[in-house]
């Protein structure tokens, strides 16, 4: 029988500990989440526009209306997903701003 060989590649998936990362660049993190939020918004608008286009095509092309309605629904679902992503990134950006304020020693709310 051939001996089984086990390859361990833990070094390929090494994640840095918080101590190894150094200080957090909050401005960079805020900018990153703002950028992703804007991409999410753009995706929402683009998918929504495509859904409206397909809705129009369904009316204009009754022979292929079923295909257009399916594509409309897929585009609408993509728009909802992109909107959810934008919403998520908006909150990540807000959290990064709060963390930045906390790290700077911002005032604490007592009530």
C-alpha atoms as a PDB file:
ATOM      1  CA  UNK A   1       0.000   0.000   0.000  1.00  0.00           C
ATOM      2  CA  UNK A   2       1.107   3.462  -0.791  1.00  0.00           C
ATOM      3  CA  UNK A   3       1.736   5.706   2.143  1.00  0.00           C
ATOM      4  CA  UNK A   4      -0.706   8.621   2.409  1.00  0.00           C
ATOM      5  CA  UNK A   5       0.897  12.038   2.288  1.00  0.00           C
ATOM      6  CA  UNK A   6      -0.653  14.943   4.107  1.00  0.00           C
ATOM      7  CA  UNK A   7       0.194  18.436   3.009  1.00  0.00           C
ATOM      8  CA  UNK A   8      -0.382  21.166   5.511  1.00  0.00           C
ATOM      9  CA  UNK A   9      -0.603  24.636   4.077  1.00  0.00           C
ATOM     10  CA  UNK A  10      -1.418  26.600   7.190  1.00  0.00           C
ATOM     11  CA  UNK A  11       1.160  29.184   6.196  1.00  0.00           C
ATOM     12  CA  UNK A  12      -0.938  30.053   3.126  1.00  0.00           C
ATOM     13  CA  UNK A  13      -3.921  31.027   5.244  1.00  0.00           C
ATOM     14  CA  UNK A  14      -2.147  32.857   8.046  1.00  0.00           C
ATOM     15  CA  UNK A  15      -4.248  35.725   9.303  1.00  0.00           C
ATOM     16  CA  UNK A  16      -2.598  38.543  11.151  1.00  0.00           C
ATOM     17  CA  UNK A  17      -3.472  39.023  14.777  1.00  0.00           C
ATOM     18  CA  UNK A  18      -4.757  42.428  15.877  1.00  0.00           C
ATOM     19  CA  UNK A  19      -1.382  43.130  17.488  1.00  0.00           C
ATOM     20  CA  UNK A  20       0.452  42.414  14.207  1.00  0.00           C
ATOM     21  CA  UNK A  21      -1.712  44.761  12.145  1.00  0.00           C
ATOM     22  CA  UNK A  22      -0.616  47.946  13.859  1.00  0.00           C
ATOM     23  CA  UNK A  23      -2.803  51.018  14.266  1.00  0.00           C
ATOM     24  CA  UNK A  24      -6.053  51.117  12.313  1.00  0.00           C
ATOM     25  CA  UNK A  25      -6.223  53.741   9.572  1.00  0.00           C
ATOM     26  CA  UNK A  26      -9.815  54.834  10.170  1.00  0.00           C
ATOM     27  CA  UNK A  27      -9.835  57.342   7.313  1.00  0.00           C
ATOM     28  CA  UNK A  28      -8.850  54.584   4.918  1.00  0.00           C
ATOM     29  CA  UNK A  29     -11.480  52.238   6.348  1.00  0.00           C
ATOM     30  CA  UNK A  30     -14.210  54.904   6.139  1.00  0.00           C
ATOM     31  CA  UNK A  31     -13.219  55.721   2.555  1.00  0.00           C
ATOM     32  CA  UNK A  32     -13.232  52.002   1.673  1.00  0.00           C
ATOM     33  CA  UNK A  33     -16.767  51.473   3.020  1.00  0.00           C
ATOM     34  CA  UNK A  34     -17.976  54.708   1.395  1.00  0.00           C
ATOM     35  CA  UNK A  35     -16.621  53.475  -1.944  1.00  0.00           C
ATOM     36  CA  UNK A  36     -18.327  50.086  -1.564  1.00  0.00           C
ATOM     37  CA  UNK A  37     -21.566  51.822  -0.540  1.00  0.00           C
ATOM     38  CA  UNK A  38     -21.430  53.912  -3.718  1.00  0.00           C
ATOM     39  CA  UNK A  39     -20.800  50.784  -5.811  1.00  0.00           C
ATOM     40  CA  UNK A  40     -23.838  49.176  -4.161  1.00  0.00           C
ATOM     41  CA  UNK A  41     -25.965  52.211  -4.989  1.00  0.00           C
ATOM     42  CA  UNK A  42     -24.740  52.149  -8.578  1.00  0.00           C
ATOM     43  CA  UNK A  43     -25.608  48.456  -8.825  1.00  0.00           C
ATOM     44  CA  UNK A  44     -29.069  49.170  -7.431  1.00  0.00           C
ATOM     45  CA  UNK A  45     -29.736  51.875 -10.012  1.00  0.00           C
ATOM     46  CA  UNK A  46     -28.319  49.820 -12.898  1.00  0.00           C
ATOM     47  CA  UNK A  47     -30.262  46.664 -12.025  1.00  0.00           C
ATOM     48  CA  UNK A  48     -33.421  48.689 -11.401  1.00  0.00           C
ATOM     49  CA  UNK A  49     -33.084  50.394 -14.766  1.00  0.00           C
ATOM     50  CA  UNK A  50     -32.592  47.038 -16.460  1.00  0.00           C
ATOM     51  CA  UNK A  51     -35.676  45.662 -14.697  1.00  0.00           C
ATOM     52  CA  UNK A  52     -37.729  48.597 -16.010  1.00  0.00           C
ATOM     53  CA  UNK A  53     -36.278  48.032 -19.484  1.00  0.00           C
ATOM     54  CA  UNK A  54     -37.321  44.377 -19.400  1.00  0.00           C
ATOM     55  CA  UNK A  55     -40.785  45.329 -18.158  1.00  0.00           C
ATOM     56  CA  UNK A  56     -41.103  47.643 -21.170  1.00  0.00           C
ATOM     57  CA  UNK A  57     -39.809  44.896 -23.494  1.00  0.00           C
ATOM     58  CA  UNK A  58     -42.423  42.464 -22.141  1.00  0.00           C
ATOM     59  CA  UNK A  59     -45.183  44.865 -23.190  1.00  0.00           C
ATOM     60  CA  UNK A  60     -43.527  45.701 -26.511  1.00  0.00           C
ATOM     61  CA  UNK A  61     -42.740  42.071 -27.449  1.00  0.00           C
ATOM     62  CA  UNK A  62     -45.730  39.928 -26.408  1.00  0.00           C
ATOM     63  CA  UNK A  63     -44.298  36.885 -28.213  1.00  0.00           C
ATOM     64  CA  UNK A  64     -41.372  36.758 -25.764  1.00  0.00           C
ATOM     65  CA  UNK A  65     -43.158  38.393 -22.819  1.00  0.00           C
ATOM     66  CA  UNK A  66     -42.536  35.454 -20.478  1.00  0.00           C
ATOM     67  CA  UNK A  67     -38.764  35.616 -21.047  1.00  0.00           C
ATOM     68  CA  UNK A  68     -38.763  39.379 -20.461  1.00  0.00           C
ATOM     69  CA  UNK A  69     -40.811  39.035 -17.261  1.00  0.00           C
ATOM     70  CA  UNK A  70     -38.341  36.469 -15.908  1.00  0.00           C
ATOM     71  CA  UNK A  71     -35.419  38.752 -16.757  1.00  0.00           C
ATOM     72  CA  UNK A  72     -37.277  41.655 -15.131  1.00  0.00           C
ATOM     73  CA  UNK A  73     -37.694  39.667 -11.917  1.00  0.00           C
ATOM     74  CA  UNK A  74     -34.041  38.592 -11.898  1.00  0.00           C
ATOM     75  CA  UNK A  75     -32.944  42.211 -12.395  1.00  0.00           C
ATOM     76  CA  UNK A  76     -35.318  43.356  -9.646  1.00  0.00           C
ATOM     77  CA  UNK A  77     -33.847  40.758  -7.283  1.00  0.00           C
ATOM     78  CA  UNK A  78     -30.341  41.950  -8.192  1.00  0.00           C
ATOM     79  CA  UNK A  79     -31.416  45.529  -7.455  1.00  0.00           C
ATOM     80  CA  UNK A  80     -32.698  44.495  -4.024  1.00  0.00           C
ATOM     81  CA  UNK A  81     -29.461  42.616  -3.328  1.00  0.00           C
ATOM     82  CA  UNK A  82     -27.315  45.563  -4.391  1.00  0.00           C
ATOM     83  CA  UNK A  83     -29.459  47.861  -2.246  1.00  0.00           C
ATOM     84  CA  UNK A  84     -28.938  45.565   0.717  1.00  0.00           C
ATOM     85  CA  UNK A  85     -25.206  45.601   0.095  1.00  0.00           C
ATOM     86  CA  UNK A  86     -25.208  49.422  -0.054  1.00  0.00           C
ATOM     87  CA  UNK A  87     -27.190  49.524   3.205  1.00  0.00           C
ATOM     88  CA  UNK A  88     -24.723  47.128   4.841  1.00  0.00           C
ATOM     89  CA  UNK A  89     -21.726  49.195   3.725  1.00  0.00           C
ATOM     90  CA  UNK A  90     -23.414  52.383   4.946  1.00  0.00           C
ATOM     91  CA  UNK A  91     -23.595  50.859   8.415  1.00  0.00           C
ATOM     92  CA  UNK A  92     -20.003  49.593   8.204  1.00  0.00           C
ATOM     93  CA  UNK A  93     -18.964  53.169   7.376  1.00  0.00           C
ATOM     94  CA  UNK A  94     -20.955  54.508  10.363  1.00  0.00           C
ATOM     95  CA  UNK A  95     -19.342  51.923  12.639  1.00  0.00           C
ATOM     96  CA  UNK A  96     -15.871  52.875  11.392  1.00  0.00           C
ATOM     97  CA  UNK A  97     -16.645  56.543  12.131  1.00  0.00           C
ATOM     98  CA  UNK A  98     -17.785  55.609  15.656  1.00  0.00           C
ATOM     99  CA  UNK A  99     -14.619  53.552  16.198  1.00  0.00           C
ATOM    100  CA  UNK A 100     -12.504  56.457  14.966  1.00  0.00           C
ATOM    101  CA  UNK A 101     -14.226  58.833  17.395  1.00  0.00           C
ATOM    102  CA  UNK A 102     -13.785  56.322  20.227  1.00  0.00           C
ATOM    103  CA  UNK A 103     -10.084  55.879  19.412  1.00  0.00           C
ATOM    104  CA  UNK A 104      -9.584  59.655  19.416  1.00  0.00           C
ATOM    105  CA  UNK A 105     -11.058  59.799  22.913  1.00  0.00           C
ATOM    106  CA  UNK A 106     -14.360  61.330  21.875  1.00  0.00           C
ATOM    107  CA  UNK A 107     -16.911  62.223  24.512  1.00  0.00           C
ATOM    108  CA  UNK A 108     -18.942  59.413  26.025  1.00  0.00           C
ATOM    109  CA  UNK A 109     -22.709  59.578  26.274  1.00  0.00           C
ATOM    110  CA  UNK A 110     -23.858  59.109  29.847  1.00  0.00           C
ATOM    111  CA  UNK A 111     -27.608  59.002  29.138  1.00  0.00           C
END
